[in-house]
């Protein structure tokens, strides 16, 4: 999940006061990772490694972090930076309380990999500045994000809560060589896609590293399967506080939930040690059945298919004006259960929204939903699309062959391409029979190439040109 907020505190005290403190308490081996510079835009400013307070404060005032000179004439900006908070699913955070140091280390490494991959996506797709005037004013690309990364592992109620704040300065170096404020419209427009990409990348990392399996919840999205609800509740004190406040107010709207979150938000308690946290978690976990992580079977993140129903539902929820590439990326990310890497998802999505690779920020064009949602008869014949980019051309060629056949011969009823009904085949005109066999060969080769359940579909179910 990704939440974006505007930062007006130029002193950045919230982020700098406890750099690495929570990691020292929960995962000492990664304490140095608590505050790190991130983003390609830091390269030209001489920023690398651990975050230092004076440099960050200078950036939030639009000044050079080393010389202190103004980078842009916009020091009077209301928004100094944007806080991009990447939050791991609840059950992923629970692994911190249930596992040993090795497991904690794998969870945090997977989380950081996913954060960096999502930030890379934002730099390439969302990070833009505006140039021109009037109707000619348009977003252009930048050299990247200038940001600092701070990782926390605890909620204010002491629950395991893995999340990273990426504090991105409100300035960027445009492709024209000028520094200026960020065109934040692009950031907010792409936040949904970036959050979904973070989640999918994290699932892929943990699937490959730990062999975890995943389940979908209507309110929580994808999360690690198998945890007893009582165990989850034992480590959800913060959520319980918010629900109690909402019940007291007698409301459940989004705004009321935000008010309840703010009103129950206590100051951070930085006292205690890692041993104290471990003892606290052990006591709280004792009220519920133990989650046996070692019983989860490995499940490789390769060879999976898209959940076409989930994908279509996400696309149908888009504005009536059409879908952008970012909408397809977000829907694809949510439709691969075991997750996938960011670049793989982008590569697959590019096959369904061609021509949008160079558009940045809010400049992405919109398309009709039908361009990226296959017709039911194609899914019936070929099965769901493969999750990987290299499988898309194979699936698309077979789909195009089926549609050409349907259009050429006016197919209006169920007709099996690879059926064994000799009487039906014998009754076809010679030209149509030749076309039928050619399309059958194309589809057969595609299904064999795609493998997995597609091969079973070929062997046991045959192919249909139309949905029954």
Protein backbone atom coordinates (compact mmCIF):
# COMPACT_ATOMS: atom_id res chain seq x y z
CA UNK A 1 0.00 0.00 0.00
CA UNK A 2 1.14 3.55 -0.74
CA UNK A 3 -0.17 6.70 0.93
CA UNK A 4 1.01 10.13 -0.25
CA UNK A 5 0.94 13.20 2.03
CA UNK A 6 2.25 16.73 1.71
CA UNK A 7 5.05 17.77 4.08
CA UNK A 8 5.24 21.35 5.35
CA UNK A 9 7.80 20.82 8.15
CA UNK A 10 11.10 22.04 6.71
CA UNK A 11 12.95 20.82 9.79
CA UNK A 12 11.89 17.22 9.10
CA UNK A 13 12.01 16.52 12.82
CA UNK A 14 9.53 13.65 12.62
CA UNK A 15 11.88 11.70 10.34
CA UNK A 16 15.27 12.77 11.69
CA UNK A 17 14.70 12.43 15.44
CA UNK A 18 14.75 8.64 15.49
CA UNK A 19 16.73 7.57 12.42
CA UNK A 20 17.21 3.83 12.68
CA UNK A 21 15.90 3.66 16.27
CA UNK A 22 13.09 1.19 15.56
CA UNK A 23 15.34 -0.97 13.42
CA UNK A 24 17.89 -1.08 16.23
CA UNK A 25 15.15 -2.39 18.52
CA UNK A 26 13.65 -4.92 16.12
CA UNK A 27 16.38 -5.76 13.58
CA UNK A 28 19.83 -4.57 14.74
CA UNK A 29 21.51 -6.01 11.65
CA UNK A 30 19.66 -3.49 9.47
CA UNK A 31 19.79 -0.46 11.78
CA UNK A 32 22.06 1.38 9.33
CA UNK A 33 19.25 1.14 6.76
CA UNK A 34 17.01 3.40 8.83
CA UNK A 35 17.79 6.59 6.91
CA UNK A 36 19.25 6.39 3.39
CA UNK A 37 19.27 8.66 0.37
CA UNK A 38 17.18 7.32 -2.48
CA UNK A 39 16.34 8.40 -6.02
CA UNK A 40 18.34 9.12 -9.15
CA UNK A 41 18.07 12.87 -8.56
CA UNK A 42 20.42 12.62 -5.58
CA UNK A 43 23.36 11.69 -7.81
CA UNK A 44 23.85 15.21 -9.13
CA UNK A 45 23.74 16.68 -5.62
CA UNK A 46 26.49 14.53 -4.13
CA UNK A 47 24.11 12.62 -1.85
CA UNK A 48 24.67 8.94 -1.10
CA UNK A 49 24.51 6.53 1.83
CA UNK A 50 23.18 7.57 5.23
CA UNK A 51 20.94 10.63 5.59
CA UNK A 52 22.32 13.63 7.50
CA UNK A 53 20.04 16.24 9.01
CA UNK A 54 21.58 19.48 7.63
CA UNK A 55 21.52 18.20 4.05
CA UNK A 56 17.90 17.11 4.30
CA UNK A 57 16.79 20.38 5.88
CA UNK A 58 18.52 22.29 3.12
CA UNK A 59 16.71 20.27 0.45
CA UNK A 60 13.34 20.92 2.08
CA UNK A 61 14.15 24.64 1.80
CA UNK A 62 15.02 24.23 -1.91
CA UNK A 63 18.73 24.78 -1.22
CA UNK A 64 21.77 22.78 -2.31
CA UNK A 65 22.56 20.22 0.42
CA UNK A 66 26.31 20.93 0.30
CA UNK A 67 26.66 24.65 -0.53
CA UNK A 68 23.44 25.94 1.01
CA UNK A 69 22.70 28.07 -2.05
CA UNK A 70 19.17 28.25 -3.41
CA UNK A 71 18.53 25.68 -6.12
CA UNK A 72 15.31 27.33 -7.28
CA UNK A 73 13.60 30.66 -6.50
CA UNK A 74 10.74 28.89 -4.74
CA UNK A 75 11.86 28.91 -1.10
CA UNK A 76 8.44 30.26 -0.08
CA UNK A 77 6.65 27.09 -1.16
CA UNK A 78 3.91 25.82 1.14
CA UNK A 79 4.77 22.20 0.35
CA UNK A 80 8.39 21.36 1.15
CA UNK A 81 8.20 17.67 0.27
CA UNK A 82 5.94 14.69 -0.24
CA UNK A 83 5.84 11.74 2.14
CA UNK A 84 5.38 8.49 0.22
CA UNK A 85 4.59 5.87 2.87
CA UNK A 86 4.89 2.26 1.67
CA UNK A 87 3.22 -0.12 4.13
CA UNK A 88 3.57 -3.91 4.12
CA UNK A 89 0.42 -6.05 4.55
CA UNK A 90 -0.49 -6.82 8.14
CA UNK A 91 0.49 -10.47 8.05
CA UNK A 92 3.86 -9.63 6.49
CA UNK A 93 4.54 -7.38 9.46
CA UNK A 94 3.47 -10.21 11.76
CA UNK A 95 6.39 -12.29 10.51
CA UNK A 96 8.60 -9.92 12.52
CA UNK A 97 6.96 -11.02 15.76
CA UNK A 98 6.85 -14.73 14.95
CA UNK A 99 10.20 -15.42 13.35
CA UNK A 100 13.87 -15.37 14.22
CA UNK A 101 16.44 -12.80 13.10
CA UNK A 102 16.95 -14.57 9.77
CA UNK A 103 13.23 -14.34 8.96
CA UNK A 104 13.08 -10.70 10.04
CA UNK A 105 16.03 -9.95 7.79
CA UNK A 106 14.35 -11.60 4.78
CA UNK A 107 11.13 -9.66 5.36
CA UNK A 108 12.92 -6.30 5.58
CA UNK A 109 15.13 -7.00 2.57
CA UNK A 110 12.06 -7.96 0.52
CA UNK A 111 10.28 -4.81 1.70
CA UNK A 112 13.20 -2.57 0.74
CA UNK A 113 13.51 -4.25 -2.68
CA UNK A 114 9.83 -3.55 -3.32
CA UNK A 115 10.12 0.07 -2.15
CA UNK A 116 13.08 0.75 -4.45
CA UNK A 117 11.32 -0.89 -7.41
CA UNK A 118 8.18 1.21 -6.86
CA UNK A 119 10.26 4.40 -6.49
CA UNK A 120 12.03 3.58 -9.75
CA UNK A 121 8.63 3.30 -11.44
CA UNK A 122 7.54 6.68 -10.06
CA UNK A 123 10.75 8.31 -11.25
CA UNK A 124 10.22 7.05 -14.79
CA UNK A 125 6.46 7.50 -15.05
CA UNK A 126 5.24 10.10 -12.53
CA UNK A 127 8.15 12.45 -11.80
CA UNK A 128 7.61 15.48 -14.03
CA UNK A 129 7.83 19.27 -14.08
CA UNK A 130 5.71 21.67 -16.11
CA UNK A 131 6.99 23.94 -18.81
CA UNK A 132 5.35 26.43 -21.15
CA UNK A 133 2.35 28.71 -20.61
CA UNK A 134 -1.37 28.62 -21.20
CA UNK A 135 -2.56 25.74 -23.37
CA UNK A 136 1.07 24.94 -24.21
CA UNK A 137 1.94 24.17 -20.57
CA UNK A 138 2.82 20.48 -20.41
CA UNK A 139 4.74 18.01 -18.20
CA UNK A 140 8.26 16.96 -19.15
CA UNK A 141 10.54 14.28 -17.73
CA UNK A 142 13.11 14.85 -14.97
CA UNK A 143 16.41 13.36 -13.87
CA UNK A 144 14.66 11.62 -10.97
CA UNK A 145 13.61 11.87 -7.37
CA UNK A 146 15.59 13.64 -4.62
CA UNK A 147 14.51 11.78 -1.51
CA UNK A 148 15.40 10.15 1.78
CA UNK A 149 14.15 6.79 2.98
CA UNK A 150 13.23 6.05 6.62
CA UNK A 151 12.07 2.59 7.66
CA UNK A 152 9.97 1.95 10.77
CA UNK A 153 8.85 -1.42 12.14
CA UNK A 154 6.37 -0.51 14.89
CA UNK A 155 3.01 1.17 15.11
CA UNK A 156 2.36 3.69 17.88
CA UNK A 157 0.52 0.95 19.77
CA UNK A 158 3.59 -1.31 19.69
CA UNK A 159 2.26 -3.62 16.96
CA UNK A 160 4.58 -4.98 14.25
CA UNK A 161 4.08 -2.50 11.42
CA UNK A 162 6.67 -2.51 8.61
CA UNK A 163 6.54 0.73 6.64
CA UNK A 164 8.95 3.09 4.91
CA UNK A 165 8.63 6.86 4.53
CA UNK A 166 10.17 8.09 1.27
CA UNK A 167 10.41 11.84 1.82
CA UNK A 168 10.77 13.37 -1.64
CA UNK A 169 11.78 17.03 -1.86
CA UNK A 170 9.39 19.22 -3.84
CA UNK A 171 11.93 19.97 -6.53
CA UNK A 172 13.19 18.23 -9.64
CA UNK A 173 15.74 18.73 -12.40
CA UNK A 174 13.85 18.88 -15.69
CA UNK A 175 15.03 17.43 -18.99
CA UNK A 176 15.59 21.02 -20.13
CA UNK A 177 18.28 21.50 -17.44
CA UNK A 178 16.24 23.68 -15.07
CA UNK A 179 15.29 23.00 -11.46
CA UNK A 180 11.71 23.71 -10.38
CA UNK A 181 8.92 22.45 -8.19
CA UNK A 182 7.46 19.05 -8.95
CA UNK A 183 4.28 18.72 -10.99
CA UNK A 184 2.57 16.85 -8.16
CA UNK A 185 -0.44 15.96 -10.30
CA UNK A 186 1.61 13.14 -11.77
CA UNK A 187 2.58 11.80 -8.35
CA UNK A 188 -1.01 11.62 -7.13
CA UNK A 189 -2.22 10.22 -10.45
CA UNK A 190 0.32 7.37 -10.33
CA UNK A 191 0.10 6.66 -6.58
CA UNK A 192 -2.44 3.86 -7.03
CA UNK A 193 -0.27 2.09 -9.60
CA UNK A 194 2.92 2.55 -7.56
CA UNK A 195 1.24 1.13 -4.45
CA UNK A 196 -0.05 -1.88 -6.35
CA UNK A 197 3.40 -2.43 -7.87
CA UNK A 198 5.00 -2.30 -4.43
CA UNK A 199 2.55 -4.94 -3.18
CA UNK A 200 3.09 -7.21 -6.21
CA UNK A 201 6.89 -6.90 -6.04
CA UNK A 202 6.83 -7.66 -2.31
CA UNK A 203 4.69 -10.77 -2.90
CA UNK A 204 7.11 -11.99 -5.56
CA UNK A 205 10.12 -11.42 -3.30
CA UNK A 206 8.58 -13.24 -0.33
CA UNK A 207 7.21 -16.02 -2.52
CA UNK A 208 10.66 -16.71 -3.93
CA UNK A 209 12.56 -16.20 -0.67
CA UNK A 210 10.23 -17.90 1.81
CA UNK A 211 7.72 -19.84 -0.25
CA UNK A 212 4.73 -17.95 1.14
CA UNK A 213 1.22 -18.34 -0.25
CA UNK A 214 -1.35 -15.55 -0.47
CA UNK A 215 -5.06 -14.95 0.04
CA UNK A 216 -7.33 -12.06 -0.96
CA UNK A 217 -9.46 -10.04 1.43
CA UNK A 218 -11.99 -7.55 0.13
CA UNK A 219 -10.80 -4.82 2.52
CA UNK A 220 -7.14 -5.74 2.92
CA UNK A 221 -6.19 -6.96 -0.58
CA UNK A 222 -3.50 -9.65 -0.87
CA UNK A 223 -1.92 -10.87 2.35
CA UNK A 224 -0.04 -13.92 3.61
CA UNK A 225 -2.36 -16.92 3.92
CA UNK A 226 -2.76 -19.05 7.00
CA UNK A 227 -2.66 -16.70 9.99
CA UNK A 228 -5.42 -17.32 12.51
CA UNK A 229 -7.77 -14.28 12.81
CA UNK A 230 -7.32 -14.33 16.60
CA UNK A 231 -3.56 -13.99 16.14
CA UNK A 232 -4.04 -11.07 13.74
CA UNK A 233 -6.39 -9.38 16.19
CA UNK A 234 -3.85 -9.79 19.01
CA UNK A 235 -1.44 -7.58 17.05
CA UNK A 236 -3.98 -5.01 15.82
CA UNK A 237 -4.25 -2.68 18.80
CA UNK A 238 -4.02 0.43 16.62
CA UNK A 239 -6.89 -0.70 14.40
CA UNK A 240 -8.94 -1.55 17.48
CA UNK A 241 -8.41 1.96 18.84
CA UNK A 242 -9.67 3.50 15.61
CA UNK A 243 -12.70 1.19 15.44
CA UNK A 244 -13.61 2.01 19.03
CA UNK A 245 -13.39 5.73 18.31
CA UNK A 246 -15.60 5.34 15.21
CA UNK A 247 -18.15 3.37 17.24
CA UNK A 248 -18.20 6.10 19.88
CA UNK A 249 -18.79 8.72 17.20
CA UNK A 250 -21.45 6.59 15.51
CA UNK A 251 -20.01 7.04 12.02
CA UNK A 252 -17.92 5.14 9.50
CA UNK A 253 -17.17 7.56 6.66
CA UNK A 254 -13.68 7.96 5.22
CA UNK A 255 -13.37 11.44 6.71
CA UNK A 256 -14.53 10.21 10.12
CA UNK A 257 -11.99 7.41 9.97
CA UNK A 258 -9.22 9.93 9.33
CA UNK A 259 -10.43 12.05 12.26
CA UNK A 260 -10.50 8.96 14.48
CA UNK A 261 -6.98 8.04 13.34
CA UNK A 262 -5.67 11.51 14.20
CA UNK A 263 -7.49 11.82 17.53
CA UNK A 264 -6.21 8.46 18.81
CA UNK A 265 -2.65 8.97 17.59
CA UNK A 266 -0.38 9.08 20.63
CA UNK A 267 3.20 10.43 20.57
CA UNK A 268 5.84 7.87 19.77
CA UNK A 269 7.19 5.87 22.70
CA UNK A 270 10.89 5.39 22.03
CA UNK A 271 11.67 3.73 25.34
CA UNK A 272 12.39 0.03 25.65
CA UNK A 273 14.65 -2.44 23.91
CA UNK A 274 14.36 -5.15 21.32
CA UNK A 275 14.12 -7.69 24.15
CA UNK A 276 11.19 -5.75 25.61
CA UNK A 277 9.40 -5.81 22.28
CA UNK A 278 10.04 -9.54 21.83
CA UNK A 279 8.68 -10.30 25.31
CA UNK A 280 5.61 -8.16 24.65
CA UNK A 281 4.91 -9.88 21.33
CA UNK A 282 5.38 -13.34 22.85
CA UNK A 283 2.86 -12.52 25.57
CA UNK A 284 0.31 -11.23 23.07
CA UNK A 285 0.78 -14.17 20.69
CA UNK A 286 0.12 -16.64 23.51
CA UNK A 287 -3.62 -15.92 23.35
CA UNK A 288 -3.91 -17.34 19.82
CA UNK A 289 -2.89 -20.48 17.91
CA UNK A 290 0.71 -20.31 16.75
CA UNK A 291 1.23 -19.51 13.09
CA UNK A 292 3.48 -22.24 11.74
CA UNK A 293 5.49 -20.47 9.06
CA UNK A 294 7.49 -23.62 8.28
CA UNK A 295 4.33 -25.34 6.99
CA UNK A 296 3.94 -22.97 4.07
CA UNK A 297 4.85 -24.74 0.84
CA UNK A 298 7.16 -23.02 -1.68
CA UNK A 299 5.26 -21.64 -4.66
CA UNK A 300 7.42 -20.17 -7.44
CA UNK A 301 6.25 -16.82 -8.78
CA UNK A 302 6.85 -17.87 -12.41
CA UNK A 303 4.36 -19.49 -14.78
CA UNK A 304 1.28 -17.92 -13.23
CA UNK A 305 -1.77 -16.52 -14.99
CA UNK A 306 -3.70 -13.29 -14.59
CA UNK A 307 -6.93 -13.37 -12.61
CA UNK A 308 -9.05 -12.04 -15.48
CA UNK A 309 -12.13 -11.42 -13.34
CA UNK A 310 -10.18 -9.30 -10.85
CA UNK A 311 -8.44 -7.46 -13.70
CA UNK A 312 -11.70 -6.69 -15.48
CA UNK A 313 -13.36 -5.48 -12.27
CA UNK A 314 -10.47 -3.04 -11.68
CA UNK A 315 -10.65 -1.72 -15.24
CA UNK A 316 -14.43 -1.29 -15.08
CA UNK A 317 -13.97 0.85 -11.97
CA UNK A 318 -11.91 3.38 -13.96
CA UNK A 319 -13.44 6.72 -15.07
CA UNK A 320 -15.84 6.63 -18.06
CA UNK A 321 -13.34 8.71 -20.03
CA UNK A 322 -11.18 5.60 -20.47
CA UNK A 323 -8.15 3.86 -18.99
CA UNK A 324 -4.53 5.01 -18.88
CA UNK A 325 -1.42 2.88 -18.79
CA UNK A 326 -1.20 3.43 -15.03
CA UNK A 327 -4.70 1.94 -14.62
CA UNK A 328 -3.64 -1.19 -16.51
CA UNK A 329 -0.45 -1.46 -14.45
CA UNK A 330 -2.42 -1.22 -11.20
CA UNK A 331 -5.03 -3.75 -12.32
CA UNK A 332 -2.36 -6.18 -13.57
CA UNK A 333 -0.47 -5.91 -10.27
CA UNK A 334 -3.56 -6.85 -8.28
CA UNK A 335 -4.45 -9.68 -10.65
CA UNK A 336 -1.28 -11.79 -10.11
CA UNK A 337 -1.76 -13.67 -6.85
CA UNK A 338 1.86 -14.63 -6.18
CA UNK A 339 3.12 -11.26 -7.31
CA UNK A 340 5.57 -10.21 -9.98
CA UNK A 341 8.49 -7.80 -10.32
CA UNK A 342 7.77 -4.22 -11.31
CA UNK A 343 9.57 -4.37 -14.64
CA UNK A 344 7.78 -7.61 -15.57
CA UNK A 345 4.37 -6.07 -14.86
CA UNK A 346 5.22 -2.96 -16.84
CA UNK A 347 6.46 -5.07 -19.74
CA UNK A 348 3.26 -7.12 -19.80
CA UNK A 349 1.06 -4.01 -19.55
CA UNK A 350 2.87 -2.36 -22.48
CA UNK A 351 1.45 -5.05 -24.79
CA UNK A 352 -2.09 -3.85 -23.99
CA UNK A 353 -1.56 -0.06 -24.03
CA UNK A 354 1.01 0.43 -26.82
CA UNK A 355 2.42 3.85 -27.60
CA UNK A 356 2.38 5.17 -24.03
CA UNK A 357 5.96 4.39 -23.03
CA UNK A 358 7.23 7.98 -23.28
CA UNK A 359 4.31 9.76 -21.62
CA UNK A 360 5.05 11.06 -18.09
CA UNK A 361 2.96 12.50 -15.30
CA UNK A 362 -0.62 13.22 -16.31
CA UNK A 363 0.22 13.15 -20.03
CA UNK A 364 -0.72 9.49 -20.48
CA UNK A 365 -3.51 9.15 -23.08
CA UNK A 366 -6.72 7.28 -22.35
CA UNK A 367 -7.96 4.18 -24.12
CA UNK A 368 -11.25 2.33 -24.40
CA UNK A 369 -11.43 -0.45 -21.78
CA UNK A 370 -11.91 -3.03 -24.52
CA UNK A 371 -8.34 -2.55 -25.69
CA UNK A 372 -6.97 -4.22 -22.57
CA UNK A 373 -9.81 -6.54 -21.49
CA UNK A 374 -10.04 -9.67 -23.70
CA UNK A 375 -13.44 -10.82 -24.90
CA UNK A 376 -14.95 -13.77 -22.95
CA UNK A 377 -14.70 -16.14 -25.92
CA UNK A 378 -10.93 -15.60 -26.06
CA UNK A 379 -10.45 -16.37 -22.37
CA UNK A 380 -12.71 -19.41 -22.83
CA UNK A 381 -10.56 -20.66 -25.69
CA UNK A 382 -7.06 -19.72 -24.53
CA UNK A 383 -7.41 -19.45 -20.79
CA UNK A 384 -6.30 -16.40 -18.77
CA UNK A 385 -3.36 -14.41 -20.06
CA UNK A 386 0.12 -15.27 -18.76
CA UNK A 387 1.46 -12.89 -16.13
CA UNK A 388 4.81 -12.38 -17.87
CA UNK A 389 5.66 -10.01 -20.69
CA UNK A 390 7.15 -12.65 -23.00
CA UNK A 391 3.91 -14.63 -23.02
CA UNK A 392 1.74 -11.74 -24.26
CA UNK A 393 2.66 -11.90 -27.99
CA UNK A 394 1.95 -15.65 -28.05
CA UNK A 395 -1.47 -15.18 -26.46
CA UNK A 396 -2.29 -12.18 -28.65
CA UNK A 397 -1.37 -13.96 -31.92
CA UNK A 398 -3.66 -16.86 -31.09
CA UNK A 399 -6.45 -14.48 -30.05
CA UNK A 400 -6.13 -12.54 -33.32
CA UNK A 401 -6.31 -15.78 -35.32
CA UNK A 402 -9.52 -16.79 -33.53
CA UNK A 403 -11.14 -13.38 -34.10
CA UNK A 404 -10.20 -13.36 -37.80
CA UNK A 405 -11.80 -16.77 -38.21
CA UNK A 406 -14.98 -15.67 -36.44
CA UNK A 407 -15.25 -12.51 -38.53
CA UNK A 408 -14.39 -14.20 -41.83
CA UNK A 409 -16.96 -16.98 -41.48
CA UNK A 410 -19.60 -15.22 -39.41
CA UNK A 411 -19.43 -17.71 -36.56
CA UNK A 412 -22.48 -17.30 -34.31
CA UNK A 413 -22.59 -20.60 -32.44
CA UNK A 414 -20.21 -22.78 -30.45
CA UNK A 415 -17.69 -24.31 -32.86
CA UNK A 416 -14.77 -26.38 -31.63
CA UNK A 417 -11.49 -25.63 -33.34
CA UNK A 418 -9.79 -28.82 -32.22
CA UNK A 419 -12.89 -30.98 -31.76
CA UNK A 420 -13.01 -34.52 -33.10
CA UNK A 421 -16.45 -34.30 -34.70
CA UNK A 422 -15.53 -35.64 -38.13
CA UNK A 423 -19.07 -35.21 -39.47
CA UNK A 424 -18.93 -31.50 -38.65
CA UNK A 425 -15.53 -31.07 -40.24
CA UNK A 426 -16.57 -33.04 -43.33
CA UNK A 427 -19.48 -30.68 -43.84
CA UNK A 428 -17.31 -27.56 -44.00
CA UNK A 429 -16.49 -25.95 -47.37
CA UNK A 430 -12.92 -26.66 -48.47
CA UNK A 431 -11.70 -23.09 -47.87
CA UNK A 432 -13.24 -22.91 -44.43
CA UNK A 433 -11.90 -26.36 -43.51
CA UNK A 434 -8.38 -25.26 -44.49
CA UNK A 435 -8.80 -22.06 -42.48
CA UNK A 436 -10.20 -24.06 -39.55
CA UNK A 437 -7.19 -26.37 -39.50
CA UNK A 438 -4.73 -23.47 -39.82
CA UNK A 439 -6.26 -21.60 -36.91
CA UNK A 440 -6.39 -24.83 -34.91
CA UNK A 441 -2.67 -25.30 -35.48
CA UNK A 442 -1.91 -21.72 -34.40
CA UNK A 443 -3.95 -22.07 -31.22
CA UNK A 444 -2.53 -25.52 -30.46
CA UNK A 445 1.04 -24.19 -30.71
CA UNK A 446 0.15 -21.21 -28.51
CA UNK A 447 -1.33 -23.41 -25.79
CA UNK A 448 1.61 -25.76 -25.81
CA UNK A 449 3.99 -22.78 -25.65
CA UNK A 450 2.08 -21.21 -22.77
CA UNK A 451 2.11 -24.51 -20.88
CA UNK A 452 0.58 -25.21 -17.49
CA UNK A 453 -3.19 -25.28 -17.35
CA UNK A 454 -3.33 -24.26 -21.02
CA UNK A 455 -1.96 -27.67 -22.00
CA UNK A 456 -4.66 -29.33 -19.90
CA UNK A 457 -7.24 -27.10 -21.60
CA UNK A 458 -5.99 -28.35 -24.98
CA UNK A 459 -6.00 -32.01 -24.03
CA UNK A 460 -9.25 -32.23 -22.07
CA UNK A 461 -11.55 -29.36 -23.02
CA UNK A 462 -10.81 -28.50 -26.65
CA UNK A 463 -11.22 -24.91 -27.89
CA UNK A 464 -14.30 -22.82 -28.48
CA UNK A 465 -14.61 -19.90 -30.85
CA UNK A 466 -17.54 -18.56 -28.90
CA UNK A 467 -18.48 -18.67 -25.30
CA UNK A 468 -21.21 -21.22 -24.60
